[in-house]
């Protein structure tokens, strides 16, 4: 691995052993190094591959808008997030989160705040990511002196969810979250009541819905014995009706053919929430 350009002592653009350009970070990773010098691997803490010419172009463009300090800040947050959440983020998060943090801090200087209409749903659908993002917002507020509202946490969550998904981008992550939001809204309207984010059964239902949506997007489905299905539908008519509404919405809006098995699993999870 050899140095292409030192951005500061702790951040460098390199060419790795596979001939790919990458950003590496670590204490003193580029200290006193010149272009063409080998980079000491033991100093590398994070390694982000820049995918082709587009990745390099995106990174160069990014550095025109933000500081290297923002990139380092994003790297520290990513590292802490991976430890807290227990999963590895894909490399794309370095660019997107650095850009987001740079814009966030600029907005705070100008006193401009905004949230997302998905905030409540993000808090419910991704509770662990939201808890971590709240810690990030609190630390940023303490370290910068800006009063950063908690609503900003929901936007940070989306970056981590996107970086832990199939890698198809933020657009798919937003679509995925919006679908779950719609399913929850249909359920709330059907039963005529709100859900408590602290309710264990609600949390369990949301977890089921997350995996249900993921299966639908991957064109997978659960199957169930027809005789068992008939019993479930008969014993839980109101819940089954709600599941049918969800199924019909998904078919009409996204063209998804929800199997009877999936409908009945939704029925069971709705019944467990005891919303009658």
Protein backbone atom coordinates (compact mmCIF):
# COMPACT_ATOMS: atom_id res chain seq x y z
CA UNK A 1 0.00 0.00 0.00
CA UNK A 2 1.48 3.34 -1.04
CA UNK A 3 0.60 6.94 -0.34
CA UNK A 4 -1.06 9.03 -3.06
CA UNK A 5 -1.81 12.11 -0.97
CA UNK A 6 -1.69 12.96 2.74
CA UNK A 7 -4.81 14.89 3.74
CA UNK A 8 -3.42 15.40 7.23
CA UNK A 9 -1.36 13.29 9.64
CA UNK A 10 -4.28 10.95 10.29
CA UNK A 11 -6.07 10.75 6.91
CA UNK A 12 -4.59 9.74 3.58
CA UNK A 13 -5.50 8.78 0.05
CA UNK A 14 -3.66 5.58 -0.90
CA UNK A 15 -3.40 2.89 -3.52
CA UNK A 16 -3.85 -0.53 -1.94
CA UNK A 17 -2.31 -3.87 -2.85
CA UNK A 18 -5.16 -4.52 -5.33
CA UNK A 19 -4.47 -1.30 -7.21
CA UNK A 20 -7.63 0.36 -5.82
CA UNK A 21 -7.68 3.87 -4.43
CA UNK A 22 -8.82 4.09 -0.83
CA UNK A 23 -9.00 6.44 2.13
CA UNK A 24 -7.21 5.21 5.23
CA UNK A 25 -7.39 6.65 8.72
CA UNK A 26 -5.37 6.11 11.84
CA UNK A 27 -3.20 8.03 14.27
CA UNK A 28 -0.08 9.18 12.42
CA UNK A 29 -0.88 7.07 9.36
CA UNK A 30 0.48 9.76 7.00
CA UNK A 31 2.93 11.49 9.36
CA UNK A 32 6.07 12.68 7.51
CA UNK A 33 5.11 10.54 4.48
CA UNK A 34 5.51 11.63 0.86
CA UNK A 35 3.60 10.49 -2.26
CA UNK A 36 4.83 7.05 -3.27
CA UNK A 37 5.99 6.12 0.24
CA UNK A 38 4.68 2.86 1.72
CA UNK A 39 1.94 3.24 4.34
CA UNK A 40 2.44 1.43 7.64
CA UNK A 41 -0.47 -1.01 7.91
CA UNK A 42 -0.25 -1.25 11.69
CA UNK A 43 -1.30 2.41 11.92
CA UNK A 44 -4.46 1.95 9.83
CA UNK A 45 -7.65 1.91 11.88
CA UNK A 46 -10.20 2.37 9.07
CA UNK A 47 -9.94 1.57 5.37
CA UNK A 48 -12.53 2.82 2.86
CA UNK A 49 -12.24 1.69 -0.76
CA UNK A 50 -13.23 4.30 -3.36
CA UNK A 51 -15.16 2.35 -5.98
CA UNK A 52 -13.71 3.30 -9.36
CA UNK A 53 -13.52 6.74 -10.93
CA UNK A 54 -16.93 7.69 -9.51
CA UNK A 55 -15.79 7.05 -5.93
CA UNK A 56 -12.60 9.08 -6.42
CA UNK A 57 -14.56 11.90 -8.07
CA UNK A 58 -17.12 11.88 -5.23
CA UNK A 59 -14.34 12.05 -2.64
CA UNK A 60 -12.55 14.94 -4.41
CA UNK A 61 -15.87 16.79 -4.70
CA UNK A 62 -16.60 16.13 -1.03
CA UNK A 63 -13.30 17.67 0.10
CA UNK A 64 -14.25 20.90 -1.69
CA UNK A 65 -17.35 21.21 0.49
CA UNK A 66 -16.16 20.01 3.88
CA UNK A 67 -13.02 19.80 5.96
CA UNK A 68 -10.85 16.78 6.64
CA UNK A 69 -11.91 17.24 10.28
CA UNK A 70 -15.46 16.35 9.19
CA UNK A 71 -14.13 13.17 7.56
CA UNK A 72 -12.27 12.26 10.76
CA UNK A 73 -15.38 13.01 12.81
CA UNK A 74 -17.45 10.73 10.58
CA UNK A 75 -14.82 8.00 10.90
CA UNK A 76 -14.91 8.17 14.71
CA UNK A 77 -18.72 8.03 14.72
CA UNK A 78 -18.69 5.07 12.30
CA UNK A 79 -16.21 3.18 14.49
CA UNK A 80 -18.26 3.79 17.64
CA UNK A 81 -21.46 2.91 15.76
CA UNK A 82 -20.07 -0.42 14.58
CA UNK A 83 -19.06 -1.29 18.13
CA UNK A 84 -22.40 -0.22 19.61
CA UNK A 85 -24.63 -1.75 16.92
CA UNK A 86 -22.62 -4.91 16.36
CA UNK A 87 -22.42 -4.79 12.57
CA UNK A 88 -19.96 -3.66 9.91
CA UNK A 89 -20.95 -0.66 7.82
CA UNK A 90 -20.14 -0.69 4.11
CA UNK A 91 -17.59 1.80 2.82
CA UNK A 92 -20.13 4.19 1.30
CA UNK A 93 -21.03 5.58 4.72
CA UNK A 94 -17.75 7.52 5.00
CA UNK A 95 -18.65 9.82 2.12
CA UNK A 96 -22.35 10.20 2.91
CA UNK A 97 -21.97 10.70 6.67
CA UNK A 98 -19.03 13.12 6.26
CA UNK A 99 -21.12 15.19 3.87
CA UNK A 100 -24.13 15.07 6.20
CA UNK A 101 -22.10 16.11 9.26
CA UNK A 102 -20.45 18.95 7.36
CA UNK A 103 -23.85 20.30 6.30
CA UNK A 104 -25.30 19.69 9.78
CA UNK A 105 -22.60 21.78 11.46
CA UNK A 106 -23.01 24.53 8.85
CA UNK A 107 -26.75 24.57 9.51
CA UNK A 108 -26.16 24.80 13.26
CA UNK A 109 -23.93 27.86 12.73
CA UNK A 110 -26.82 29.50 10.89
CA UNK A 111 -29.44 28.30 13.38
CA UNK A 112 -31.25 26.23 10.75
CA UNK A 113 -32.92 23.04 12.04
CA UNK A 114 -35.05 20.45 10.36
CA UNK A 115 -36.18 16.92 11.00
CA UNK A 116 -37.92 14.28 8.94
CA UNK A 117 -41.57 13.22 8.81
CA UNK A 118 -40.29 9.68 9.38
CA UNK A 119 -38.80 10.56 12.79
CA UNK A 120 -41.38 8.76 14.97
CA UNK A 121 -41.26 5.70 12.73
CA UNK A 122 -37.45 5.63 12.62
CA UNK A 123 -37.42 5.74 16.42
CA UNK A 124 -39.81 2.77 16.52
CA UNK A 125 -38.40 0.74 13.62
CA UNK A 126 -34.69 1.18 14.44
CA UNK A 127 -34.58 1.65 18.24
CA UNK A 128 -30.94 0.66 18.76
CA UNK A 129 -29.68 2.85 15.90
CA UNK A 130 -31.79 5.73 17.21
CA UNK A 131 -30.40 5.32 20.71
CA UNK A 132 -26.86 5.48 19.31
CA UNK A 133 -27.68 8.49 17.12
CA UNK A 134 -29.04 10.33 20.17
CA UNK A 135 -25.66 9.81 21.86
CA UNK A 136 -23.95 11.20 18.75
CA UNK A 137 -26.15 14.31 18.78
CA UNK A 138 -25.53 14.84 22.51
CA UNK A 139 -21.75 14.56 22.05
CA UNK A 140 -21.79 16.88 19.05
CA UNK A 141 -23.74 19.45 21.05
CA UNK A 142 -21.28 19.20 23.93
CA UNK A 143 -18.16 19.35 21.74
CA UNK A 144 -19.28 22.13 19.38
CA UNK A 145 -21.32 24.28 21.74
CA UNK A 146 -24.25 24.25 19.30
CA UNK A 147 -27.73 23.36 20.54
CA UNK A 148 -28.41 20.47 18.18
CA UNK A 149 -32.01 19.23 18.48
CA UNK A 150 -32.62 15.54 19.08
CA UNK A 151 -34.63 15.37 15.84
CA UNK A 152 -31.32 15.35 13.95
CA UNK A 153 -30.72 11.82 15.30
CA UNK A 154 -33.28 10.35 12.90
CA UNK A 155 -31.28 11.57 9.89
CA UNK A 156 -28.07 10.02 11.24
CA UNK A 157 -29.91 6.71 11.74
CA UNK A 158 -30.71 6.53 8.01
CA UNK A 159 -27.00 6.60 7.15
CA UNK A 160 -26.30 3.57 9.35
CA UNK A 161 -29.32 1.65 8.07
CA UNK A 162 -28.26 2.37 4.50
CA UNK A 163 -24.70 1.24 5.24
CA UNK A 164 -25.99 -2.03 6.72
CA UNK A 165 -28.37 -2.80 3.83
CA UNK A 166 -27.87 -4.28 0.37
CA UNK A 167 -25.93 -1.23 -0.70
CA UNK A 168 -28.49 0.01 -3.25
CA UNK A 169 -28.48 3.47 -1.71
CA UNK A 170 -30.33 5.92 0.48
CA UNK A 171 -33.31 5.96 -1.88
CA UNK A 172 -34.02 2.29 -1.16
CA UNK A 173 -33.50 2.83 2.58
CA UNK A 174 -36.04 5.66 2.56
CA UNK A 175 -38.48 3.54 0.54
CA UNK A 176 -38.04 0.61 2.94
CA UNK A 177 -38.71 2.87 5.95
CA UNK A 178 -41.70 4.51 4.25
CA UNK A 179 -43.28 1.11 3.51
CA UNK A 180 -42.99 0.12 7.17
CA UNK A 181 -44.43 3.50 8.17
CA UNK A 182 -47.43 2.88 5.89
CA UNK A 183 -48.01 -0.58 7.38
CA UNK A 184 -47.97 0.89 10.88
CA UNK A 185 -50.34 3.69 9.84
CA UNK A 186 -52.80 1.19 8.31
CA UNK A 187 -52.72 -0.78 11.57
CA UNK A 188 -53.25 2.32 13.73
CA UNK A 189 -56.21 3.44 11.63
CA UNK A 190 -57.73 -0.04 11.61
CA UNK A 191 -57.68 -0.36 15.41
CA UNK A 192 -58.27 3.34 16.06
CA UNK A 193 -55.40 3.78 18.49
CA UNK A 194 -51.79 4.87 18.69
CA UNK A 195 -48.87 2.53 19.38
CA UNK A 196 -46.48 2.98 22.27
CA UNK A 197 -42.83 2.71 21.24
CA UNK A 198 -42.07 1.31 24.70
CA UNK A 199 -44.61 -1.54 24.42
CA UNK A 200 -42.78 -4.88 24.05
CA UNK A 201 -45.48 -6.42 21.83
CA UNK A 202 -45.46 -3.38 19.55
CA UNK A 203 -41.67 -3.62 19.31
CA UNK A 204 -41.96 -7.31 18.44
CA UNK A 205 -44.57 -6.53 15.77
CA UNK A 206 -42.33 -3.86 14.23
CA UNK A 207 -39.44 -6.35 14.13
CA UNK A 208 -41.69 -8.83 12.32
CA UNK A 209 -42.78 -6.12 9.85
CA UNK A 210 -39.14 -5.24 9.13
CA UNK A 211 -38.34 -8.83 8.17
CA UNK A 212 -41.66 -9.14 6.31
CA UNK A 213 -40.83 -6.10 4.15
CA UNK A 214 -37.30 -7.35 3.58
CA UNK A 215 -38.66 -10.70 2.35
CA UNK A 216 -41.09 -8.94 0.01
CA UNK A 217 -38.33 -6.76 -1.44
CA UNK A 218 -36.22 -9.91 -1.97
CA UNK A 219 -39.24 -11.68 -3.53
CA UNK A 220 -39.35 -14.29 -0.75
CA UNK A 221 -42.36 -15.44 1.27
CA UNK A 222 -43.38 -17.65 4.17
CA UNK A 223 -45.74 -20.57 3.66
CA UNK A 224 -48.30 -21.94 6.13
CA UNK A 225 -50.54 -25.01 6.28
CA UNK A 226 -53.95 -24.07 4.83
CA UNK A 227 -55.91 -25.80 7.60
CA UNK A 228 -53.97 -23.88 10.26
CA UNK A 229 -54.49 -20.70 8.28
CA UNK A 230 -58.25 -21.16 8.24
CA UNK A 231 -58.29 -21.57 12.04
CA UNK A 232 -56.21 -18.41 12.55
CA UNK A 233 -58.45 -16.36 10.24
CA UNK A 234 -61.57 -17.60 12.04
CA UNK A 235 -60.25 -16.98 15.57
CA UNK A 236 -58.77 -13.53 14.80
CA UNK A 237 -61.19 -11.94 12.30
CA UNK A 238 -60.38 -8.31 13.08
CA UNK A 239 -56.64 -8.93 12.96
CA UNK A 240 -56.98 -10.91 9.74
CA UNK A 241 -58.97 -8.06 8.20
CA UNK A 242 -56.14 -5.65 9.06
CA UNK A 243 -53.58 -8.02 7.53
CA UNK A 244 -55.71 -8.16 4.37
CA UNK A 245 -55.77 -4.34 4.22
CA UNK A 246 -51.98 -4.29 4.44
CA UNK A 247 -51.72 -6.95 1.73
CA UNK A 248 -54.10 -5.07 -0.59
CA UNK A 249 -52.21 -1.79 -0.05
CA UNK A 250 -48.88 -3.41 -0.94
CA UNK A 251 -50.38 -5.07 -4.00
CA UNK A 252 -51.94 -1.85 -5.24
CA UNK A 253 -49.00 0.44 -4.44
CA UNK A 254 -45.97 -1.75 -5.15
CA UNK A 255 -47.37 -4.66 -7.13
CA UNK A 256 -46.38 -7.15 -4.42
CA UNK A 257 -48.25 -10.45 -4.28
CA UNK A 258 -48.34 -11.16 -0.54
CA UNK A 259 -48.79 -14.87 0.15
CA UNK A 260 -51.52 -16.24 2.41
CA UNK A 261 -48.81 -17.44 4.75
CA UNK A 262 -47.43 -13.92 5.15
CA UNK A 263 -50.95 -12.55 5.74
CA UNK A 264 -51.55 -15.07 8.49
CA UNK A 265 -48.21 -14.39 10.19
CA UNK A 266 -49.14 -10.70 10.16
CA UNK A 267 -52.50 -11.69 11.67
CA UNK A 268 -50.80 -13.52 14.53
CA UNK A 269 -48.46 -10.64 15.32
CA UNK A 270 -51.30 -8.11 15.19
CA UNK A 271 -53.29 -10.31 17.57
CA UNK A 272 -50.39 -10.44 20.03
CA UNK A 273 -50.49 -6.66 20.36
CA UNK A 274 -53.96 -7.03 21.92
CA UNK A 275 -55.36 -3.97 20.15
CA UNK A 276 -59.01 -5.07 20.26
